Amino acid sequence: MTFRENLNGVYSANEYLTRMNLMKGYRFPETRTPIHQHQKVAVVGGGNVAMDCARTALRLGAREVHIVYRRSRQETARPARGS
């Protein structure tokens, strides 16, 4: 699978979270961090970082967020539990 991170509105998870949080992209255009705030978002992956991206998109106004993952819900990794 080839990802097209060089397309407008397509970000790696690290870039997206960095722009939105550390660079205060959630305040655009008040800040100088350009970020696309779409109504429909697709997140590729099923781990913790993918969930962070999905939740961030929802908090910032996305009406739909779809998580695209290659495994079923039953096969998704479970969070580590303390003993």
PDB file of N, CA and C in Angstrom:
ATOM      1  N   MET A   1       0.840  -1.167   0.000  1.00  0.00           N
ATOM      2  CA  MET A   1       0.000   0.000   0.000  1.00  0.00           C
ATOM      3  C   MET A   1       0.893   1.240   0.000  1.00  0.00           C
ATOM      4  N   THR A   2       0.551   2.199  -0.814  1.00  0.00           N
ATOM      5  CA  THR A   2       1.310   3.436  -0.897  1.00  0.00           C
ATOM      6  C   THR A   2       0.497   4.563  -0.301  1.00  0.00           C
ATOM      7  N   PHE A   3       1.088   5.274   0.636  1.00  0.00           N
ATOM      8  CA  PHE A   3       0.424   6.430   1.219  1.00  0.00           C
ATOM      9  C   PHE A   3       0.890   7.673   0.497  1.00  0.00           C
ATOM     10  N   ARG A   4       0.001   8.593   0.284  1.00  0.00           N
ATOM     11  CA  ARG A   4       0.292   9.829  -0.434  1.00  0.00           C
ATOM     12  C   ARG A   4       0.282  11.002   0.534  1.00  0.00           C
ATOM     13  N   GLU A   5       1.280  11.054   1.411  1.00  0.00           N
ATOM     14  CA  GLU A   5       1.334  12.119   2.397  1.00  0.00           C
ATOM     15  C   GLU A   5       1.646  13.471   1.767  1.00  0.00           C
ATOM     16  N   ASN A   6       2.020  13.488   0.489  1.00  0.00           N
ATOM     17  CA  ASN A   6       2.317  14.759  -0.154  1.00  0.00           C
ATOM     18  C   ASN A   6       1.064  15.397  -0.753  1.00  0.00           C
ATOM     19  N   LEU A   7      -0.086  14.775  -0.594  1.00  0.00           N
ATOM     20  CA  LEU A   7      -1.342  15.349  -1.076  1.00  0.00           C
ATOM     21  C   LEU A   7      -1.901  16.319  -0.029  1.00  0.00           C
ATOM     22  N   ASN A   8      -2.589  17.350  -0.477  1.00  0.00           N
ATOM     23  CA  ASN A   8      -3.206  18.297   0.442  1.00  0.00           C
ATOM     24  C   ASN A   8      -4.210  17.585   1.339  1.00  0.00           C
ATOM     25  N   GLY A   9      -4.102  17.821   2.634  1.00  0.00           N
ATOM     26  CA  GLY A   9      -5.046  17.239   3.575  1.00  0.00           C
ATOM     27  C   GLY A   9      -4.701  15.838   4.035  1.00  0.00           C
ATOM     28  N   VAL A  10      -3.572  15.286   3.582  1.00  0.00           N
ATOM     29  CA  VAL A  10      -3.139  13.947   4.012  1.00  0.00           C
ATOM     30  C   VAL A  10      -1.894  14.125   4.872  1.00  0.00           C
ATOM     31  N   TYR A  11      -1.966  13.638   6.110  1.00  0.00           N
ATOM     32  CA  TYR A  11      -0.880  13.813   7.062  1.00  0.00           C
ATOM     33  C   TYR A  11      -0.494  12.473   7.673  1.00  0.00           C
ATOM     34  N   SER A  12       0.773  12.347   8.051  1.00  0.00           N
ATOM     35  CA  SER A  12       1.139  11.219   8.899  1.00  0.00           C
ATOM     36  C   SER A  12       0.561  11.532  10.281  1.00  0.00           C
ATOM     37  N   ALA A  13       0.386  10.520  11.084  1.00  0.00           N
ATOM     38  CA  ALA A  13      -0.194  10.722  12.413  1.00  0.00           C
ATOM     39  C   ALA A  13       0.668  11.673  13.235  1.00  0.00           C
ATOM     40  N   ASN A  14       1.974  11.487  13.186  1.00  0.00           N
ATOM     41  CA  ASN A  14       2.863  12.341  13.979  1.00  0.00           C
ATOM     42  C   ASN A  14       2.780  13.798  13.540  1.00  0.00           C
ATOM     43  N   GLU A  15       2.739  14.030  12.241  1.00  0.00           N
ATOM     44  CA  GLU A  15       2.635  15.403  11.749  1.00  0.00           C
ATOM     45  C   GLU A  15       1.300  16.023  12.169  1.00  0.00           C
ATOM     46  N   TYR A  16       0.233  15.274  12.019  1.00  0.00           N
ATOM     47  CA  TYR A  16      -1.102  15.774  12.363  1.00  0.00           C
ATOM     48  C   TYR A  16      -1.185  16.162  13.837  1.00  0.00           C
ATOM     49  N   LEU A  17      -0.768  15.256  14.711  1.00  0.00           N
ATOM     50  CA  LEU A  17      -0.850  15.531  16.143  1.00  0.00           C
ATOM     51  C   LEU A  17       0.089  16.661  16.554  1.00  0.00           C
ATOM     52  N   THR A  18       1.273  16.725  15.948  1.00  0.00           N
ATOM     53  CA  THR A  18       2.212  17.811  16.248  1.00  0.00           C
ATOM     54  C   THR A  18       1.638  19.151  15.821  1.00  0.00           C
ATOM     55  N   ARG A  19       1.099  19.204  14.600  1.00  0.00           N
ATOM     56  CA  ARG A  19       0.518  20.459  14.115  1.00  0.00           C
ATOM     57  C   ARG A  19      -0.668  20.888  14.983  1.00  0.00           C
ATOM     58  N   MET A  20      -1.522  19.952  15.340  1.00  0.00           N
ATOM     59  CA  MET A  20      -2.727  20.300  16.078  1.00  0.00           C
ATOM     60  C   MET A  20      -2.433  20.668  17.524  1.00  0.00           C
ATOM     61  N   ASN A  21      -1.521  19.977  18.160  1.00  0.00           N
ATOM     62  CA  ASN A  21      -1.279  20.196  19.589  1.00  0.00           C
ATOM     63  C   ASN A  21      -0.117  21.138  19.862  1.00  0.00           C
ATOM     64  N   LEU A  22       1.086  20.743  19.511  1.00  0.00           N
ATOM     65  CA  LEU A  22       2.264  21.539  19.842  1.00  0.00           C
ATOM     66  C   LEU A  22       2.331  22.852  19.079  1.00  0.00           C
ATOM     67  N   MET A  23       1.886  22.831  17.822  1.00  0.00           N
ATOM     68  CA  MET A  23       1.944  24.034  16.997  1.00  0.00           C
ATOM     69  C   MET A  23       0.622  24.810  17.031  1.00  0.00           C
ATOM     70  N   LYS A  24      -0.303  24.365  17.863  1.00  0.00           N
ATOM     71  CA  LYS A  24      -1.595  25.029  18.079  1.00  0.00           C
ATOM     72  C   LYS A  24      -2.404  25.217  16.793  1.00  0.00           C
ATOM     73  N   GLY A  25      -2.408  24.191  15.963  1.00  0.00           N
ATOM     74  CA  GLY A  25      -3.175  24.232  14.731  1.00  0.00           C
ATOM     75  C   GLY A  25      -4.667  24.362  14.960  1.00  0.00           C
ATOM     76  N   TYR A  26      -5.120  23.981  16.136  1.00  0.00           N
ATOM     77  CA  TYR A  26      -6.543  24.102  16.459  1.00  0.00           C
ATOM     78  C   TYR A  26      -6.977  25.565  16.515  1.00  0.00           C
ATOM     79  N   ARG A  27      -6.023  26.494  16.549  1.00  0.00           N
ATOM     80  CA  ARG A  27      -6.339  27.922  16.566  1.00  0.00           C
ATOM     81  C   ARG A  27      -6.237  28.584  15.191  1.00  0.00           C
ATOM     82  N   PHE A  28      -5.957  27.817  14.146  1.00  0.00           N
ATOM     83  CA  PHE A  28      -5.809  28.388  12.806  1.00  0.00           C
ATOM     84  C   PHE A  28      -7.109  29.077  12.404  1.00  0.00           C
ATOM     85  N   PRO A  29      -7.097  30.246  11.841  1.00  0.00           N
ATOM     86  CA  PRO A  29      -5.992  31.031  11.295  1.00  0.00           C
ATOM     87  C   PRO A  29      -5.362  32.006  12.287  1.00  0.00           C
ATOM     88  N   GLU A  30      -5.784  31.947  13.542  1.00  0.00           N
ATOM     89  CA  GLU A  30      -5.176  32.804  14.552  1.00  0.00           C
ATOM     90  C   GLU A  30      -3.678  32.528  14.687  1.00  0.00           C
ATOM     91  N   THR A  31      -3.270  31.279  14.513  1.00  0.00           N
ATOM     92  CA  THR A  31      -1.850  30.918  14.534  1.00  0.00           C
ATOM     93  C   THR A  31      -1.384  30.679  13.101  1.00  0.00           C
ATOM     94  N   ARG A  32      -0.104  30.495  12.925  1.00  0.00           N
ATOM     95  CA  ARG A  32       0.458  30.331  11.583  1.00  0.00           C
ATOM     96  C   ARG A  32       0.635  28.863  11.196  1.00  0.00           C
ATOM     97  N   THR A  33      -0.063  27.978  11.823  1.00  0.00           N
ATOM     98  CA  THR A  33       0.034  26.552  11.519  1.00  0.00           C
ATOM     99  C   THR A  33      -1.126  26.148  10.614  1.00  0.00           C
ATOM    100  N   PRO A  34      -0.886  26.078   9.304  1.00  0.00           N
ATOM    101  CA  PRO A  34      -1.989  25.690   8.417  1.00  0.00           C
ATOM    102  C   PRO A  34      -2.342  24.218   8.585  1.00  0.00           C
ATOM    103  N   ILE A  35      -3.611  23.955   8.710  1.00  0.00           N
ATOM    104  CA  ILE A  35      -4.096  22.576   8.842  1.00  0.00           C
ATOM    105  C   ILE A  35      -5.485  22.523   8.226  1.00  0.00           C
ATOM    106  N   HIS A  36      -5.764  21.452   7.519  1.00  0.00           N
ATOM    107  CA  HIS A  36      -7.094  21.284   6.946  1.00  0.00           C
ATOM    108  C   HIS A  36      -8.020  20.742   8.019  1.00  0.00           C
ATOM    109  N   GLN A  37      -9.148  21.370   8.210  1.00  0.00           N
ATOM    110  CA  GLN A  37     -10.140  20.883   9.161  1.00  0.00           C
ATOM    111  C   GLN A  37     -11.345  20.403   8.357  1.00  0.00           C
ATOM    112  N   HIS A  38     -11.331  19.132   8.027  1.00  0.00           N
ATOM    113  CA  HIS A  38     -12.356  18.546   7.175  1.00  0.00           C
ATOM    114  C   HIS A  38     -13.552  18.067   7.976  1.00  0.00           C
ATOM    115  N   GLN A  39     -14.655  17.879   7.273  1.00  0.00           N
ATOM    116  CA  GLN A  39     -15.859  17.348   7.890  1.00  0.00           C
ATOM    117  C   GLN A  39     -15.849  15.821   7.898  1.00  0.00           C
ATOM    118  N   LYS A  40     -15.146  15.228   6.939  1.00  0.00           N
ATOM    119  CA  LYS A  40     -15.030  13.766   6.851  1.00  0.00           C
ATOM    120  C   LYS A  40     -13.560  13.393   6.911  1.00  0.00           C
ATOM    121  N   VAL A  41     -13.221  12.492   7.837  1.00  0.00           N
ATOM    122  CA  VAL A  41     -11.825  12.120   8.072  1.00  0.00           C
ATOM    123  C   VAL A  41     -11.702  10.603   8.053  1.00  0.00           C
ATOM    124  N   ALA A  42     -10.644  10.104   7.426  1.00  0.00           N
ATOM    125  CA  ALA A  42     -10.307   8.676   7.469  1.00  0.00           C
ATOM    126  C   ALA A  42      -8.948   8.538   8.136  1.00  0.00           C
ATOM    127  N   VAL A  43      -8.863   7.667   9.116  1.00  0.00           N
ATOM    128  CA  VAL A  43      -7.616   7.394   9.819  1.00  0.00           C
ATOM    129  C   VAL A  43      -7.222   5.961   9.489  1.00  0.00           C
ATOM    130  N   VAL A  44      -6.010   5.773   8.995  1.00  0.00           N
ATOM    131  CA  VAL A  44      -5.534   4.438   8.641  1.00  0.00           C
ATOM    132  C   VAL A  44      -4.704   3.912   9.802  1.00  0.00           C
ATOM    133  N   GLY A  45      -5.155   2.816  10.401  1.00  0.00           N
ATOM    134  CA  GLY A  45      -4.457   2.214  11.529  1.00  0.00           C
ATOM    135  C   GLY A  45      -5.422   1.952  12.664  1.00  0.00           C
ATOM    136  N   GLY A  46      -4.982   1.193  13.652  1.00  0.00           N
ATOM    137  CA  GLY A  46      -5.868   0.843  14.749  1.00  0.00           C
ATOM    138  C   GLY A  46      -5.223   0.942  16.110  1.00  0.00           C
ATOM    139  N   GLY A  47      -4.034   1.506  16.180  1.00  0.00           N
ATOM    140  CA  GLY A  47      -3.339   1.607  17.458  1.00  0.00           C
ATOM    141  C   GLY A  47      -3.690   2.878  18.212  1.00  0.00           C
ATOM    142  N   ASN A  48      -2.939   3.124  19.273  1.00  0.00           N
ATOM    143  CA  ASN A  48      -3.209   4.271  20.132  1.00  0.00           C
ATOM    144  C   ASN A  48      -3.072   5.603  19.397  1.00  0.00           C
ATOM    145  N   VAL A  49      -2.060   5.729  18.551  1.00  0.00           N
ATOM    146  CA  VAL A  49      -1.858   6.988  17.828  1.00  0.00           C
ATOM    147  C   VAL A  49      -3.001   7.225  16.844  1.00  0.00           C
ATOM    148  N   ALA A  50      -3.472   6.177  16.199  1.00  0.00           N
ATOM    149  CA  ALA A  50      -4.619   6.317  15.290  1.00  0.00           C
ATOM    150  C   ALA A  50      -5.848   6.780  16.061  1.00  0.00           C
ATOM    151  N   MET A  51      -6.065   6.233  17.250  1.00  0.00           N
ATOM    152  CA  MET A  51      -7.205   6.643  18.067  1.00  0.00           C
ATOM    153  C   MET A  51      -7.062   8.097  18.506  1.00  0.00           C
ATOM    154  N   ASP A  52      -5.829   8.518  18.828  1.00  0.00           N
ATOM    155  CA  ASP A  52      -5.595   9.915  19.182  1.00  0.00           C
ATOM    156  C   ASP A  52      -5.948  10.838  18.019  1.00  0.00           C
ATOM    157  N   CYS A  53      -5.572  10.445  16.808  1.00  0.00           N
ATOM    158  CA  CYS A  53      -5.896  11.250  15.622  1.00  0.00           C
ATOM    159  C   CYS A  53      -7.403  11.323  15.409  1.00  0.00           C
ATOM    160  N   ALA A  54      -8.075  10.207  15.549  1.00  0.00           N
ATOM    161  CA  ALA A  54      -9.526  10.172  15.354  1.00  0.00           C
ATOM    162  C   ALA A  54     -10.236  11.054  16.382  1.00  0.00           C
ATOM    163  N   ARG A  55      -9.835  10.952  17.630  1.00  0.00           N
ATOM    164  CA  ARG A  55     -10.458  11.754  18.686  1.00  0.00           C
ATOM    165  C   ARG A  55     -10.168  13.236  18.506  1.00  0.00           C
ATOM    166  N   THR A  56      -8.962  13.565  18.061  1.00  0.00           N
ATOM    167  CA  THR A  56      -8.612  14.965  17.809  1.00  0.00           C
ATOM    168  C   THR A  56      -9.473  15.537  16.695  1.00  0.00           C
ATOM    169  N   ALA A  57      -9.642  14.786  15.620  1.00  0.00           N
ATOM    170  CA  ALA A  57     -10.471  15.250  14.501  1.00  0.00           C
ATOM    171  C   ALA A  57     -11.909  15.498  14.958  1.00  0.00           C
ATOM    172  N   LEU A  58     -12.445  14.604  15.781  1.00  0.00           N
ATOM    173  CA  LEU A  58     -13.804  14.787  16.296  1.00  0.00           C
ATOM    174  C   LEU A  58     -13.911  16.027  17.180  1.00  0.00           C
ATOM    175  N   ARG A  59     -12.937  16.191  18.062  1.00  0.00           N
ATOM    176  CA  ARG A  59     -12.954  17.360  18.949  1.00  0.00           C
ATOM    177  C   ARG A  59     -12.892  18.658  18.172  1.00  0.00           C
ATOM    178  N   LEU A  60     -12.251  18.631  17.004  1.00  0.00           N
ATOM    179  CA  LEU A  60     -12.085  19.850  16.217  1.00  0.00           C
ATOM    180  C   LEU A  60     -13.157  20.026  15.161  1.00  0.00           C
ATOM    181  N   GLY A  61     -14.241  19.257  15.258  1.00  0.00           N
ATOM    182  CA  GLY A  61     -15.393  19.534  14.424  1.00  0.00           C
ATOM    183  C   GLY A  61     -15.693  18.594  13.279  1.00  0.00           C
ATOM    184  N   ALA A  62     -14.928  17.544  13.091  1.00  0.00           N
ATOM    185  CA  ALA A  62     -15.247  16.590  12.024  1.00  0.00           C
ATOM    186  C   ALA A  62     -16.593  15.933  12.328  1.00  0.00           C
ATOM    187  N   ARG A  63     -17.452  15.849  11.332  1.00  0.00           N
ATOM    188  CA  ARG A  63     -18.757  15.201  11.521  1.00  0.00           C
ATOM    189  C   ARG A  63     -18.642  13.689  11.426  1.00  0.00           C
ATOM    190  N   GLU A  64     -17.705  13.213  10.606  1.00  0.00           N
ATOM    191  CA  GLU A  64     -17.502  11.764  10.429  1.00  0.00           C
ATOM    192  C   GLU A  64     -16.026  11.447  10.538  1.00  0.00           C
ATOM    193  N   VAL A  65     -15.714  10.412  11.287  1.00  0.00           N
ATOM    194  CA  VAL A  65     -14.344   9.889  11.342  1.00  0.00           C
ATOM    195  C   VAL A  65     -14.436   8.386  11.158  1.00  0.00           C
ATOM    196  N   HIS A  66     -13.725   7.880  10.169  1.00  0.00           N
ATOM    197  CA  HIS A  66     -13.694   6.440   9.880  1.00  0.00           C
ATOM    198  C   HIS A  66     -12.298   5.908  10.165  1.00  0.00           C
ATOM    199  N   ILE A  67     -12.230   4.816  10.896  1.00  0.00           N
ATOM    200  CA  ILE A  67     -10.958   4.167  11.180  1.00  0.00           C
ATOM    201  C   ILE A  67     -10.846   2.969  10.253  1.00  0.00           C
ATOM    202  N   VAL A  68      -9.801   2.971   9.442  1.00  0.00           N
ATOM    203  CA  VAL A  68      -9.569   1.908   8.462  1.00  0.00           C
ATOM    204  C   VAL A  68      -8.422   1.056   8.986  1.00  0.00           C
ATOM    205  N   TYR A  69      -8.714  -0.214   9.225  1.00  0.00           N
ATOM    206  CA  TYR A  69      -7.723  -1.103   9.835  1.00  0.00           C
ATOM    207  C   TYR A  69      -7.812  -2.457   9.160  1.00  0.00           C
ATOM    208  N   ARG A  70      -6.697  -3.127   9.054  1.00  0.00           N
ATOM    209  CA  ARG A  70      -6.658  -4.385   8.303  1.00  0.00           C
ATOM    210  C   ARG A  70      -7.135  -5.591   9.106  1.00  0.00           C
ATOM    211  N   ARG A  71      -7.342  -5.439  10.379  1.00  0.00           N
ATOM    212  CA  ARG A  71      -7.792  -6.556  11.209  1.00  0.00           C
ATOM    213  C   ARG A  71      -9.220  -6.326  11.681  1.00  0.00           C
ATOM    214  N   SER A  72      -9.859  -7.382  12.153  1.00  0.00           N
ATOM    215  CA  SER A  72     -11.209  -7.250  12.701  1.00  0.00           C
ATOM    216  C   SER A  72     -11.132  -6.645  14.104  1.00  0.00           C
ATOM    217  N   ARG A  73     -12.263  -6.255  14.643  1.00  0.00           N
ATOM    218  CA  ARG A  73     -12.306  -5.705  16.000  1.00  0.00           C
ATOM    219  C   ARG A  73     -11.743  -6.695  17.026  1.00  0.00           C
ATOM    220  N   GLN A  74     -12.042  -7.976  16.818  1.00  0.00           N
ATOM    221  CA  GLN A  74     -11.571  -8.999  17.756  1.00  0.00           C
ATOM    222  C   GLN A  74     -10.046  -9.163  17.706  1.00  0.00           C
ATOM    223  N   GLU A  75      -9.450  -8.851  16.579  1.00  0.00           N
ATOM    224  CA  GLU A  75      -8.000  -9.000  16.428  1.00  0.00           C
ATOM    225  C   GLU A  75      -7.222  -7.740  16.805  1.00  0.00           C
ATOM    226  N   THR A  76      -7.928  -6.656  17.088  1.00  0.00           N
ATOM    227  CA  THR A  76      -7.278  -5.397  17.426  1.00  0.00           C
ATOM    228  C   THR A  76      -6.515  -5.557  18.742  1.00  0.00           C
ATOM    229  N   ALA A  77      -5.332  -4.970  18.775  1.00  0.00           N
ATOM    230  CA  ALA A  77      -4.502  -5.059  19.974  1.00  0.00           C
ATOM    231  C   ALA A  77      -5.223  -4.444  21.162  1.00  0.00           C
ATOM    232  N   ARG A  78      -5.100  -5.065  22.294  1.00  0.00           N
ATOM    233  CA  ARG A  78      -5.702  -4.559  23.520  1.00  0.00           C
ATOM    234  C   ARG A  78      -4.674  -3.717  24.276  1.00  0.00           C
ATOM    235  N   PRO A  79      -5.124  -2.688  24.985  1.00  0.00           N
ATOM    236  CA  PRO A  79      -4.180  -1.884  25.761  1.00  0.00           C
ATOM    237  C   PRO A  79      -3.574  -2.706  26.882  1.00  0.00           C
ATOM    238  N   ALA A  80      -2.337  -2.386  27.234  1.00  0.00           N
ATOM    239  CA  ALA A  80      -1.659  -3.096  28.318  1.00  0.00           C
ATOM    240  C   ALA A  80      -2.349  -2.752  29.642  1.00  0.00           C
ATOM    241  N   ARG A  81      -2.450  -3.721  30.501  1.00  0.00           N
ATOM    242  CA  ARG A  81      -3.079  -3.526  31.806  1.00  0.00           C
ATOM    243  C   ARG A  81      -1.998  -3.632  32.889  1.00  0.00           C
ATOM    244  N   GLY A  82      -2.112  -2.779  33.893  1.00  0.00           N
ATOM    245  CA  GLY A  82      -1.177  -2.854  35.034  1.00  0.00           C
ATOM    246  C   GLY A  82      -1.474  -4.082  35.878  1.00  0.00           C
ATOM    247  N   SER A  83      -0.473  -4.568  36.583  1.00  0.00           N
ATOM    248  CA  SER A  83      -0.703  -5.765  37.397  1.00  0.00           C
ATOM    249  C   SER A  83      -1.124  -5.441  38.787  1.00  0.00           C
TER     250      SER A  83
END
